[in-house]
Amino acid sequence: MSRLLLNGLRVRARVGCKDTERAHSQMLKVDLCIDYDMREAIAGDDVARAVDYKNIATCIRERLGSQEWKLLETLTHDVATSVRHMSSKIMRVEASVTKDVIPDVASVAVVIVVE
């Protein structure tokens, strides 16, 4: 199996336990590891047989801009599940979503795997 990595996608979303935290969107970083069989795309050098990573980024931006979450865990699961269902070619998605939330901690991240 081959992997497509989409790293450092910056997305604004409303996430947090408190209403005040969700009142305004905050910047998140999304990293994806997408497993899919690339052999057909490679053999024919055919973009139509590849997974469209630009479309994935666009869909994540739209999804995260359309609602709010209390838990980063739920948001990350929704991202992973959404990407997994974008194409029958995709076999597994590992999504990591990071946010800067605690002043003396560089960042907090959640990693979810959907097969």
PDB file of N, CA and C in Angstrom:
ATOM      1  N   MET A   1       0.855  -1.183   0.000  1.00  0.00           N
ATOM      2  CA  MET A   1       0.000   0.000   0.000  1.00  0.00           C
ATOM      3  C   MET A   1       0.895   1.238   0.000  1.00  0.00           C
ATOM      4  N   SER A   2       0.456   2.232  -0.697  1.00  0.00           N
ATOM      5  CA  SER A   2       1.174   3.491  -0.776  1.00  0.00           C
ATOM      6  C   SER A   2       0.473   4.528   0.091  1.00  0.00           C
ATOM      7  N   ARG A   3       1.207   5.602   0.386  1.00  0.00           N
ATOM      8  CA  ARG A   3       0.666   6.645   1.251  1.00  0.00           C
ATOM      9  C   ARG A   3       0.771   8.009   0.611  1.00  0.00           C
ATOM     10  N   LEU A   4      -0.294   8.753   0.772  1.00  0.00           N
ATOM     11  CA  LEU A   4      -0.329  10.156   0.398  1.00  0.00           C
ATOM     12  C   LEU A   4      -0.313  10.943   1.703  1.00  0.00           C
ATOM     13  N   LEU A   5       0.615  11.862   1.830  1.00  0.00           N
ATOM     14  CA  LEU A   5       0.710  12.693   3.031  1.00  0.00           C
ATOM     15  C   LEU A   5       0.298  14.114   2.684  1.00  0.00           C
ATOM     16  N   LEU A   6      -0.590  14.643   3.471  1.00  0.00           N
ATOM     17  CA  LEU A   6      -0.991  16.040   3.348  1.00  0.00           C
ATOM     18  C   LEU A   6      -0.666  16.658   4.700  1.00  0.00           C
ATOM     19  N   ASN A   7       0.356  17.482   4.748  1.00  0.00           N
ATOM     20  CA  ASN A   7       0.886  17.981   6.019  1.00  0.00           C
ATOM     21  C   ASN A   7       0.731  19.486   6.171  1.00  0.00           C
ATOM     22  N   GLY A   8       0.339  19.885   7.366  1.00  0.00           N
ATOM     23  CA  GLY A   8       0.332  21.300   7.716  1.00  0.00           C
ATOM     24  C   GLY A   8      -0.787  22.108   7.107  1.00  0.00           C
ATOM     25  N   LEU A   9      -1.920  21.484   6.804  1.00  0.00           N
ATOM     26  CA  LEU A   9      -3.062  22.227   6.292  1.00  0.00           C
ATOM     27  C   LEU A   9      -3.600  23.111   7.413  1.00  0.00           C
ATOM     28  N   ARG A  10      -3.597  24.402   7.198  1.00  0.00           N
ATOM     29  CA  ARG A  10      -4.081  25.357   8.198  1.00  0.00           C
ATOM     30  C   ARG A  10      -5.567  25.622   7.932  1.00  0.00           C
ATOM     31  N   VAL A  11      -6.372  25.395   8.965  1.00  0.00           N
ATOM     32  CA  VAL A  11      -7.818  25.520   8.830  1.00  0.00           C
ATOM     33  C   VAL A  11      -8.382  26.222  10.061  1.00  0.00           C
ATOM     34  N   ARG A  12      -9.327  27.102   9.852  1.00  0.00           N
ATOM     35  CA  ARG A  12     -10.000  27.767  10.972  1.00  0.00           C
ATOM     36  C   ARG A  12     -11.255  26.975  11.317  1.00  0.00           C
ATOM     37  N   ALA A  13     -11.468  26.772  12.633  1.00  0.00           N
ATOM     38  CA  ALA A  13     -12.647  26.043  13.103  1.00  0.00           C
ATOM     39  C   ALA A  13     -13.017  26.513  14.495  1.00  0.00           C
ATOM     40  N   ARG A  14     -14.259  26.261  14.853  1.00  0.00           N
ATOM     41  CA  ARG A  14     -14.730  26.587  16.197  1.00  0.00           C
ATOM     42  C   ARG A  14     -14.781  25.295  16.997  1.00  0.00           C
ATOM     43  N   VAL A  15     -13.862  25.181  17.949  1.00  0.00           N
ATOM     44  CA  VAL A  15     -13.773  23.975  18.768  1.00  0.00           C
ATOM     45  C   VAL A  15     -13.347  24.357  20.176  1.00  0.00           C
ATOM     46  N   GLY A  16     -13.991  23.738  21.160  1.00  0.00           N
ATOM     47  CA  GLY A  16     -13.618  23.987  22.549  1.00  0.00           C
ATOM     48  C   GLY A  16     -14.757  23.636  23.486  1.00  0.00           C
ATOM     49  N   CYS A  17     -14.414  23.306  24.691  1.00  0.00           N
ATOM     50  CA  CYS A  17     -15.412  22.896  25.691  1.00  0.00           C
ATOM     51  C   CYS A  17     -16.312  24.043  26.116  1.00  0.00           C
ATOM     52  N   LYS A  18     -15.761  25.225  26.205  1.00  0.00           N
ATOM     53  CA  LYS A  18     -16.534  26.382  26.676  1.00  0.00           C
ATOM     54  C   LYS A  18     -17.144  27.139  25.503  1.00  0.00           C
ATOM     55  N   ASP A  19     -18.325  27.710  25.753  1.00  0.00           N
ATOM     56  CA  ASP A  19     -18.985  28.523  24.726  1.00  0.00           C
ATOM     57  C   ASP A  19     -18.082  29.668  24.274  1.00  0.00           C
ATOM     58  N   THR A  20     -17.359  30.254  25.224  1.00  0.00           N
ATOM     59  CA  THR A  20     -16.472  31.377  24.897  1.00  0.00           C
ATOM     60  C   THR A  20     -15.340  30.939  23.965  1.00  0.00           C
ATOM     61  N   GLU A  21     -14.876  29.706  24.104  1.00  0.00           N
ATOM     62  CA  GLU A  21     -13.810  29.192  23.236  1.00  0.00           C
ATOM     63  C   GLU A  21     -14.337  28.944  21.821  1.00  0.00           C
ATOM     64  N   ARG A  22     -15.602  28.553  21.721  1.00  0.00           N
ATOM     65  CA  ARG A  22     -16.206  28.278  20.413  1.00  0.00           C
ATOM     66  C   ARG A  22     -16.804  29.526  19.766  1.00  0.00           C
ATOM     67  N   ALA A  23     -16.818  30.633  20.498  1.00  0.00           N
ATOM     68  CA  ALA A  23     -17.431  31.865  19.978  1.00  0.00           C
ATOM     69  C   ALA A  23     -16.712  32.380  18.733  1.00  0.00           C
ATOM     70  N   HIS A  24     -15.426  32.113  18.645  1.00  0.00           N
ATOM     71  CA  HIS A  24     -14.623  32.555  17.500  1.00  0.00           C
ATOM     72  C   HIS A  24     -13.808  31.375  16.982  1.00  0.00           C
ATOM     73  N   SER A  25     -13.588  31.364  15.696  1.00  0.00           N
ATOM     74  CA  SER A  25     -12.789  30.277  15.124  1.00  0.00           C
ATOM     75  C   SER A  25     -11.329  30.445  15.533  1.00  0.00           C
ATOM     76  N   GLN A  26     -10.643  29.335  15.578  1.00  0.00           N
ATOM     77  CA  GLN A  26      -9.214  29.344  15.887  1.00  0.00           C
ATOM     78  C   GLN A  26      -8.481  28.532  14.830  1.00  0.00           C
ATOM     79  N   MET A  27      -7.204  28.829  14.678  1.00  0.00           N
ATOM     80  CA  MET A  27      -6.407  28.155  13.663  1.00  0.00           C
ATOM     81  C   MET A  27      -6.001  26.770  14.162  1.00  0.00           C
ATOM     82  N   LEU A  28      -6.248  25.764  13.319  1.00  0.00           N
ATOM     83  CA  LEU A  28      -5.844  24.389  13.585  1.00  0.00           C
ATOM     84  C   LEU A  28      -4.887  23.955  12.490  1.00  0.00           C
ATOM     85  N   LYS A  29      -4.095  22.935  12.797  1.00  0.00           N
ATOM     86  CA  LYS A  29      -3.224  22.332  11.786  1.00  0.00           C
ATOM     87  C   LYS A  29      -3.683  20.896  11.588  1.00  0.00           C
ATOM     88  N   VAL A  30      -3.935  20.526  10.340  1.00  0.00           N
ATOM     89  CA  VAL A  30      -4.384  19.181  10.002  1.00  0.00           C
ATOM     90  C   VAL A  30      -3.288  18.479   9.210  1.00  0.00           C
ATOM     91  N   ASP A  31      -2.941  17.276   9.653  1.00  0.00           N
ATOM     92  CA  ASP A  31      -2.014  16.406   8.934  1.00  0.00           C
ATOM     93  C   ASP A  31      -2.753  15.120   8.614  1.00  0.00           C
ATOM     94  N   LEU A  32      -2.608  14.645   7.380  1.00  0.00           N
ATOM     95  CA  LEU A  32      -3.271  13.419   6.958  1.00  0.00           C
ATOM     96  C   LEU A  32      -2.272  12.433   6.370  1.00  0.00           C
ATOM     97  N   CYS A  33      -2.462  11.180   6.698  1.00  0.00           N
ATOM     98  CA  CYS A  33      -1.753  10.074   6.070  1.00  0.00           C
ATOM     99  C   CYS A  33      -2.839   9.198   5.449  1.00  0.00           C
ATOM    100  N   ILE A  34      -2.885   9.169   4.129  1.00  0.00           N
ATOM    101  CA  ILE A  34      -3.949   8.489   3.398  1.00  0.00           C
ATOM    102  C   ILE A  34      -3.354   7.299   2.655  1.00  0.00           C
ATOM    103  N   ASP A  35      -3.801   6.096   3.012  1.00  0.00           N
ATOM    104  CA  ASP A  35      -3.340   4.881   2.338  1.00  0.00           C
ATOM    105  C   ASP A  35      -4.284   4.548   1.196  1.00  0.00           C
ATOM    106  N   TYR A  36      -3.710   4.417   0.007  1.00  0.00           N
ATOM    107  CA  TYR A  36      -4.502   3.937  -1.120  1.00  0.00           C
ATOM    108  C   TYR A  36      -3.577   3.298  -2.144  1.00  0.00           C
ATOM    109  N   ASP A  37      -4.141   2.438  -2.967  1.00  0.00           N
ATOM    110  CA  ASP A  37      -3.373   1.721  -3.982  1.00  0.00           C
ATOM    111  C   ASP A  37      -3.154   2.658  -5.165  1.00  0.00           C
ATOM    112  N   MET A  38      -1.915   3.109  -5.320  1.00  0.00           N
ATOM    113  CA  MET A  38      -1.568   4.077  -6.366  1.00  0.00           C
ATOM    114  C   MET A  38      -1.113   3.423  -7.665  1.00  0.00           C
ATOM    115  N   ARG A  39      -1.078   2.104  -7.718  1.00  0.00           N
ATOM    116  CA  ARG A  39      -0.480   1.425  -8.878  1.00  0.00           C
ATOM    117  C   ARG A  39      -1.113   1.821 -10.204  1.00  0.00           C
ATOM    118  N   GLU A  40      -2.439   1.886 -10.281  1.00  0.00           N
ATOM    119  CA  GLU A  40      -3.094   2.257 -11.545  1.00  0.00           C
ATOM    120  C   GLU A  40      -2.743   3.685 -11.951  1.00  0.00           C
ATOM    121  N   ALA A  41      -2.763   4.589 -11.008  1.00  0.00           N
ATOM    122  CA  ALA A  41      -2.425   5.983 -11.301  1.00  0.00           C
ATOM    123  C   ALA A  41      -0.982   6.091 -11.789  1.00  0.00           C
ATOM    124  N   ILE A  42      -0.094   5.373 -11.120  1.00  0.00           N
ATOM    125  CA  ILE A  42       1.325   5.413 -11.485  1.00  0.00           C
ATOM    126  C   ILE A  42       1.556   4.793 -12.854  1.00  0.00           C
ATOM    127  N   ALA A  43       0.967   3.624 -13.088  1.00  0.00           N
ATOM    128  CA  ALA A  43       1.179   2.897 -14.346  1.00  0.00           C
ATOM    129  C   ALA A  43       0.754   3.732 -15.556  1.00  0.00           C
ATOM    130  N   GLY A  44      -0.349   4.452 -15.419  1.00  0.00           N
ATOM    131  CA  GLY A  44      -0.841   5.233 -16.543  1.00  0.00           C
ATOM    132  C   GLY A  44      -0.511   6.707 -16.446  1.00  0.00           C
ATOM    133  N   ASP A  45       0.230   7.089 -15.394  1.00  0.00           N
ATOM    134  CA  ASP A  45       0.497   8.500 -15.125  1.00  0.00           C
ATOM    135  C   ASP A  45      -0.798   9.294 -15.289  1.00  0.00           C
ATOM    136  N   ASP A  46      -1.856   8.757 -14.651  1.00  0.00           N
ATOM    137  CA  ASP A  46      -3.218   9.223 -14.880  1.00  0.00           C
ATOM    138  C   ASP A  46      -3.790   9.869 -13.620  1.00  0.00           C
ATOM    139  N   VAL A  47      -3.984  11.174 -13.683  1.00  0.00           N
ATOM    140  CA  VAL A  47      -4.507  11.917 -12.545  1.00  0.00           C
ATOM    141  C   VAL A  47      -5.923  11.469 -12.174  1.00  0.00           C
ATOM    142  N   ALA A  48      -6.690  10.996 -13.127  1.00  0.00           N
ATOM    143  CA  ALA A  48      -8.055  10.546 -12.865  1.00  0.00           C
ATOM    144  C   ALA A  48      -8.082   9.305 -11.980  1.00  0.00           C
ATOM    145  N   ARG A  49      -6.982   8.588 -11.913  1.00  0.00           N
ATOM    146  CA  ARG A  49      -6.907   7.372 -11.087  1.00  0.00           C
ATOM    147  C   ARG A  49      -6.198   7.614  -9.754  1.00  0.00           C
ATOM    148  N   ALA A  50      -5.873   8.853  -9.506  1.00  0.00           N
ATOM    149  CA  ALA A  50      -5.217   9.224  -8.247  1.00  0.00           C
ATOM    150  C   ALA A  50      -6.252   9.851  -7.313  1.00  0.00           C
ATOM    151  N   VAL A  51      -5.879   9.966  -6.057  1.00  0.00           N
ATOM    152  CA  VAL A  51      -6.716  10.662  -5.085  1.00  0.00           C
ATOM    153  C   VAL A  51      -6.419  12.156  -5.215  1.00  0.00           C
ATOM    154  N   ASP A  52      -7.453  12.957  -5.312  1.00  0.00           N
ATOM    155  CA  ASP A  52      -7.326  14.399  -5.538  1.00  0.00           C
ATOM    156  C   ASP A  52      -7.079  15.118  -4.214  1.00  0.00           C
ATOM    157  N   TYR A  53      -5.814  15.388  -3.918  1.00  0.00           N
ATOM    158  CA  TYR A  53      -5.481  15.990  -2.621  1.00  0.00           C
ATOM    159  C   TYR A  53      -5.919  17.441  -2.514  1.00  0.00           C
ATOM    160  N   LYS A  54      -6.016  18.156  -3.616  1.00  0.00           N
ATOM    161  CA  LYS A  54      -6.522  19.528  -3.575  1.00  0.00           C
ATOM    162  C   LYS A  54      -7.995  19.516  -3.168  1.00  0.00           C
ATOM    163  N   ASN A  55      -8.759  18.575  -3.692  1.00  0.00           N
ATOM    164  CA  ASN A  55     -10.161  18.430  -3.327  1.00  0.00           C
ATOM    165  C   ASN A  55     -10.302  18.043  -1.857  1.00  0.00           C
ATOM    166  N   ILE A  56      -9.421  17.199  -1.363  1.00  0.00           N
ATOM    167  CA  ILE A  56      -9.449  16.815   0.049  1.00  0.00           C
ATOM    168  C   ILE A  56      -9.262  18.054   0.928  1.00  0.00           C
ATOM    169  N   ALA A  57      -8.281  18.882   0.600  1.00  0.00           N
ATOM    170  CA  ALA A  57      -8.030  20.092   1.379  1.00  0.00           C
ATOM    171  C   ALA A  57      -9.238  21.023   1.351  1.00  0.00           C
ATOM    172  N   THR A  58      -9.834  21.186   0.200  1.00  0.00           N
ATOM    173  CA  THR A  58     -11.013  22.034   0.065  1.00  0.00           C
ATOM    174  C   THR A  58     -12.174  21.503   0.902  1.00  0.00           C
ATOM    175  N   CYS A  59     -12.405  20.203   0.849  1.00  0.00           N
ATOM    176  CA  CYS A  59     -13.505  19.594   1.611  1.00  0.00           C
ATOM    177  C   CYS A  59     -13.290  19.730   3.115  1.00  0.00           C
ATOM    178  N   ILE A  60     -12.056  19.585   3.566  1.00  0.00           N
ATOM    179  CA  ILE A  60     -11.766  19.742   4.998  1.00  0.00           C
ATOM    180  C   ILE A  60     -12.044  21.179   5.421  1.00  0.00           C
ATOM    181  N   ARG A  61     -11.593  22.144   4.626  1.00  0.00           N
ATOM    182  CA  ARG A  61     -11.858  23.549   4.960  1.00  0.00           C
ATOM    183  C   ARG A  61     -13.361  23.822   5.058  1.00  0.00           C
ATOM    184  N   GLU A  62     -14.113  23.298   4.091  1.00  0.00           N
ATOM    185  CA  GLU A  62     -15.567  23.505   4.095  1.00  0.00           C
ATOM    186  C   GLU A  62     -16.207  22.820   5.294  1.00  0.00           C
ATOM    187  N   ARG A  63     -15.797  21.602   5.577  1.00  0.00           N
ATOM    188  CA  ARG A  63     -16.373  20.838   6.693  1.00  0.00           C
ATOM    189  C   ARG A  63     -16.115  21.532   8.027  1.00  0.00           C
ATOM    190  N   LEU A  64     -14.877  21.958   8.243  1.00  0.00           N
ATOM    191  CA  LEU A  64     -14.536  22.571   9.524  1.00  0.00           C
ATOM    192  C   LEU A  64     -15.110  23.972   9.670  1.00  0.00           C
ATOM    193  N   GLY A  65     -15.442  24.599   8.576  1.00  0.00           N
ATOM    194  CA  GLY A  65     -16.050  25.918   8.642  1.00  0.00           C
ATOM    195  C   GLY A  65     -17.564  25.886   8.788  1.00  0.00           C
ATOM    196  N   SER A  66     -18.145  24.687   8.730  1.00  0.00           N
ATOM    197  CA  SER A  66     -19.600  24.589   8.684  1.00  0.00           C
ATOM    198  C   SER A  66     -20.274  24.264  10.012  1.00  0.00           C
ATOM    199  N   GLN A  67     -19.504  23.939  11.039  1.00  0.00           N
ATOM    200  CA  GLN A  67     -20.121  23.628  12.326  1.00  0.00           C
ATOM    201  C   GLN A  67     -19.125  23.874  13.449  1.00  0.00           C
ATOM    202  N   GLU A  68     -19.498  23.477  14.660  1.00  0.00           N
ATOM    203  CA  GLU A  68     -18.581  23.625  15.790  1.00  0.00           C
ATOM    204  C   GLU A  68     -18.566  22.329  16.592  1.00  0.00           C
ATOM    205  N   TRP A  69     -17.481  22.136  17.347  1.00  0.00           N
ATOM    206  CA  TRP A  69     -17.285  20.932  18.147  1.00  0.00           C
ATOM    207  C   TRP A  69     -16.848  21.327  19.554  1.00  0.00           C
ATOM    208  N   LYS A  70     -17.218  20.537  20.523  1.00  0.00           N
ATOM    209  CA  LYS A  70     -16.717  20.723  21.881  1.00  0.00           C
ATOM    210  C   LYS A  70     -15.370  20.034  22.044  1.00  0.00           C
ATOM    211  N   LEU A  71     -15.224  18.859  21.427  1.00  0.00           N
ATOM    212  CA  LEU A  71     -14.000  18.075  21.599  1.00  0.00           C
ATOM    213  C   LEU A  71     -13.149  18.051  20.334  1.00  0.00           C
ATOM    214  N   LEU A  72     -11.861  18.245  20.506  1.00  0.00           N
ATOM    215  CA  LEU A  72     -10.917  18.097  19.404  1.00  0.00           C
ATOM    216  C   LEU A  72     -10.945  16.659  18.897  1.00  0.00           C
ATOM    217  N   GLU A  73     -11.217  15.722  19.789  1.00  0.00           N
ATOM    218  CA  GLU A  73     -11.304  14.311  19.423  1.00  0.00           C
ATOM    219  C   GLU A  73     -12.421  14.071  18.403  1.00  0.00           C
ATOM    220  N   THR A  74     -13.582  14.671  18.636  1.00  0.00           N
ATOM    221  CA  THR A  74     -14.710  14.499  17.719  1.00  0.00           C
ATOM    222  C   THR A  74     -14.425  15.162  16.383  1.00  0.00           C
ATOM    223  N   LEU A  75     -13.870  16.361  16.427  1.00  0.00           N
ATOM    224  CA  LEU A  75     -13.519  17.065  15.195  1.00  0.00           C
ATOM    225  C   LEU A  75     -12.546  16.232  14.365  1.00  0.00           C
ATOM    226  N   THR A  76     -11.520  15.679  15.008  1.00  0.00           N
ATOM    227  CA  THR A  76     -10.507  14.873  14.302  1.00  0.00           C
ATOM    228  C   THR A  76     -11.135  13.623  13.707  1.00  0.00           C
ATOM    229  N   HIS A  77     -12.011  12.981  14.463  1.00  0.00           N
ATOM    230  CA  HIS A  77     -12.708  11.795  13.954  1.00  0.00           C
ATOM    231  C   HIS A  77     -13.552  12.155  12.733  1.00  0.00           C
ATOM    232  N   ASP A  78     -14.233  13.284  12.788  1.00  0.00           N
ATOM    233  CA  ASP A  78     -15.045  13.723  11.649  1.00  0.00           C
ATOM    234  C   ASP A  78     -14.186  13.985  10.416  1.00  0.00           C
ATOM    235  N   VAL A  79     -13.017  14.570  10.608  1.00  0.00           N
ATOM    236  CA  VAL A  79     -12.096  14.800   9.488  1.00  0.00           C
ATOM    237  C   VAL A  79     -11.670  13.467   8.880  1.00  0.00           C
ATOM    238  N   ALA A  80     -11.205  12.550   9.722  1.00  0.00           N
ATOM    239  CA  ALA A  80     -10.721  11.249   9.227  1.00  0.00           C
ATOM    240  C   ALA A  80     -11.819  10.486   8.507  1.00  0.00           C
ATOM    241  N   THR A  81     -13.005  10.472   9.081  1.00  0.00           N
ATOM    242  CA  THR A  81     -14.124   9.748   8.476  1.00  0.00           C
ATOM    243  C   THR A  81     -14.533  10.379   7.150  1.00  0.00           C
ATOM    244  N   SER A  82     -14.592  11.692   7.111  1.00  0.00           N
ATOM    245  CA  SER A  82     -14.951  12.389   5.869  1.00  0.00           C
ATOM    246  C   SER A  82     -13.972  12.062   4.749  1.00  0.00           C
ATOM    247  N   VAL A  83     -12.685  12.108   5.055  1.00  0.00           N
ATOM    248  CA  VAL A  83     -11.665  11.816   4.034  1.00  0.00           C
ATOM    249  C   VAL A  83     -11.753  10.364   3.602  1.00  0.00           C
ATOM    250  N   ARG A  84     -11.930   9.464   4.550  1.00  0.00           N
ATOM    251  CA  ARG A  84     -12.007   8.029   4.229  1.00  0.00           C
ATOM    252  C   ARG A  84     -13.137   7.745   3.244  1.00  0.00           C
ATOM    253  N   HIS A  85     -14.233   8.469   3.366  1.00  0.00           N
ATOM    254  CA  HIS A  85     -15.392   8.225   2.507  1.00  0.00           C
ATOM    255  C   HIS A  85     -15.395   9.052   1.223  1.00  0.00           C
ATOM    256  N   MET A  86     -14.336   9.798   0.980  1.00  0.00           N
ATOM    257  CA  MET A  86     -14.283  10.617  -0.232  1.00  0.00           C
ATOM    258  C   MET A  86     -14.038   9.804  -1.494  1.00  0.00           C
ATOM    259  N   SER A  87     -13.423   8.632  -1.341  1.00  0.00           N
ATOM    260  CA  SER A  87     -13.108   7.807  -2.508  1.00  0.00           C
ATOM    261  C   SER A  87     -13.037   6.342  -2.101  1.00  0.00           C
ATOM    262  N   SER A  88     -13.531   5.486  -2.965  1.00  0.00           N
ATOM    263  CA  SER A  88     -13.431   4.039  -2.710  1.00  0.00           C
ATOM    264  C   SER A  88     -11.982   3.559  -2.806  1.00  0.00           C
ATOM    265  N   LYS A  89     -11.114   4.380  -3.362  1.00  0.00           N
ATOM    266  CA  LYS A  89      -9.691   4.033  -3.462  1.00  0.00           C
ATOM    267  C   LYS A  89      -8.984   4.122  -2.113  1.00  0.00           C
ATOM    268  N   ILE A  90      -9.527   4.931  -1.221  1.00  0.00           N
ATOM    269  CA  ILE A  90      -8.885   5.176   0.072  1.00  0.00           C
ATOM    270  C   ILE A  90      -9.198   4.018   1.021  1.00  0.00           C
ATOM    271  N   MET A  91      -8.142   3.406   1.551  1.00  0.00           N
ATOM    272  CA  MET A  91      -8.296   2.247   2.431  1.00  0.00           C
ATOM    273  C   MET A  91      -8.182   2.601   3.914  1.00  0.00           C
ATOM    274  N   ARG A  92      -7.407   3.632   4.208  1.00  0.00           N
ATOM    275  CA  ARG A  92      -7.131   3.971   5.607  1.00  0.00           C
ATOM    276  C   ARG A  92      -6.732   5.438   5.677  1.00  0.00           C
ATOM    277  N   VAL A  93      -7.181   6.123   6.732  1.00  0.00           N
ATOM    278  CA  VAL A  93      -6.815   7.519   6.941  1.00  0.00           C
ATOM    279  C   VAL A  93      -6.356   7.688   8.384  1.00  0.00           C
ATOM    280  N   GLU A  94      -5.209   8.301   8.538  1.00  0.00           N
ATOM    281  CA  GLU A  94      -4.742   8.725   9.857  1.00  0.00           C
ATOM    282  C   GLU A  94      -4.765  10.243   9.841  1.00  0.00           C
ATOM    283  N   ALA A  95      -5.588  10.820  10.715  1.00  0.00           N
ATOM    284  CA  ALA A  95      -5.716  12.276  10.781  1.00  0.00           C
ATOM    285  C   ALA A  95      -5.177  12.764  12.114  1.00  0.00           C
ATOM    286  N   SER A  96      -4.409  13.831  12.054  1.00  0.00           N
ATOM    287  CA  SER A  96      -3.903  14.493  13.250  1.00  0.00           C
ATOM    288  C   SER A  96      -4.323  15.949  13.175  1.00  0.00           C
ATOM    289  N   VAL A  97      -4.976  16.416  14.240  1.00  0.00           N
ATOM    290  CA  VAL A  97      -5.376  17.821  14.302  1.00  0.00           C
ATOM    291  C   VAL A  97      -4.734  18.431  15.542  1.00  0.00           C
ATOM    292  N   THR A  98      -4.062  19.550  15.326  1.00  0.00           N
ATOM    293  CA  THR A  98      -3.292  20.218  16.375  1.00  0.00           C
ATOM    294  C   THR A  98      -3.841  21.617  16.599  1.00  0.00           C
ATOM    295  N   LYS A  99      -3.903  22.013  17.881  1.00  0.00           N
ATOM    296  CA  LYS A  99      -4.269  23.391  18.187  1.00  0.00           C
ATOM    297  C   LYS A  99      -3.398  23.891  19.336  1.00  0.00           C
ATOM    298  N   ASP A 100      -3.204  25.188  19.351  1.00  0.00           N
ATOM    299  CA  ASP A 100      -2.446  25.841  20.420  1.00  0.00           C
ATOM    300  C   ASP A 100      -3.464  26.341  21.430  1.00  0.00           C
ATOM    301  N   VAL A 101      -3.484  25.713  22.607  1.00  0.00           N
ATOM    302  CA  VAL A 101      -4.557  26.013  23.540  1.00  0.00           C
ATOM    303  C   VAL A 101      -4.073  26.337  24.950  1.00  0.00           C
ATOM    304  N   ILE A 102      -2.916  25.809  25.340  1.00  0.00           N
ATOM    305  CA  ILE A 102      -2.410  26.010  26.687  1.00  0.00           C
ATOM    306  C   ILE A 102      -1.150  26.873  26.589  1.00  0.00           C
ATOM    307  N   PRO A 103      -1.091  27.978  27.328  1.00  0.00           N
ATOM    308  CA  PRO A 103       0.022  28.913  27.182  1.00  0.00           C
ATOM    309  C   PRO A 103       1.420  28.300  27.308  1.00  0.00           C
ATOM    310  N   ASP A 104       1.625  27.373  28.208  1.00  0.00           N
ATOM    311  CA  ASP A 104       2.971  26.833  28.393  1.00  0.00           C
ATOM    312  C   ASP A 104       3.172  25.467  27.729  1.00  0.00           C
ATOM    313  N   VAL A 105       2.305  25.117  26.771  1.00  0.00           N
ATOM    314  CA  VAL A 105       2.424  23.877  25.999  1.00  0.00           C
ATOM    315  C   VAL A 105       2.468  24.269  24.529  1.00  0.00           C
ATOM    316  N   ALA A 106       3.428  23.719  23.785  1.00  0.00           N
ATOM    317  CA  ALA A 106       3.581  24.084  22.376  1.00  0.00           C
ATOM    318  C   ALA A 106       2.294  23.845  21.587  1.00  0.00           C
ATOM    319  N   SER A 107       1.671  22.701  21.794  1.00  0.00           N
ATOM    320  CA  SER A 107       0.415  22.405  21.113  1.00  0.00           C
ATOM    321  C   SER A 107      -0.199  21.148  21.705  1.00  0.00           C
ATOM    322  N   VAL A 108      -1.463  20.954  21.382  1.00  0.00           N
ATOM    323  CA  VAL A 108      -2.201  19.751  21.758  1.00  0.00           C
ATOM    324  C   VAL A 108      -2.687  19.140  20.459  1.00  0.00           C
ATOM    325  N   ALA A 109      -2.544  17.818  20.312  1.00  0.00           N
ATOM    326  CA  ALA A 109      -2.966  17.158  19.080  1.00  0.00           C
ATOM    327  C   ALA A 109      -3.723  15.876  19.409  1.00  0.00           C
ATOM    328  N   VAL A 110      -4.629  15.542  18.502  1.00  0.00           N
ATOM    329  CA  VAL A 110      -5.357  14.286  18.577  1.00  0.00           C
ATOM    330  C   VAL A 110      -5.106  13.557  17.265  1.00  0.00           C
ATOM    331  N   VAL A 111      -4.862  12.248  17.350  1.00  0.00           N
ATOM    332  CA  VAL A 111      -4.655  11.414  16.172  1.00  0.00           C
ATOM    333  C   VAL A 111      -5.740  10.344  16.156  1.00  0.00           C
ATOM    334  N   ILE A 112      -6.419  10.233  15.028  1.00  0.00           N
ATOM    335  CA  ILE A 112      -7.484   9.242  14.841  1.00  0.00           C
ATOM    336  C   ILE A 112      -7.201   8.465  13.564  1.00  0.00           C
ATOM    337  N   VAL A 113      -7.369   7.142  13.622  1.00  0.00           N
ATOM    338  CA  VAL A 113      -7.213   6.283  12.452  1.00  0.00           C
ATOM    339  C   VAL A 113      -8.568   5.699  12.091  1.00  0.00           C
ATOM    340  N   VAL A 114      -8.937   5.806  10.815  1.00  0.00           N
ATOM    341  CA  VAL A 114     -10.183   5.230  10.310  1.00  0.00           C
ATOM    342  C   VAL A 114      -9.824   4.308   9.154  1.00  0.00           C
ATOM    343  N   GLU A 115     -10.303   3.074   9.255  1.00  0.00           N
ATOM    344  CA  GLU A 115     -10.051   2.103   8.186  1.00  0.00           C
ATOM    345  C   GLU A 115     -11.337   1.762   7.480  1.00  0.00           C
TER     346      GLU A 115
END
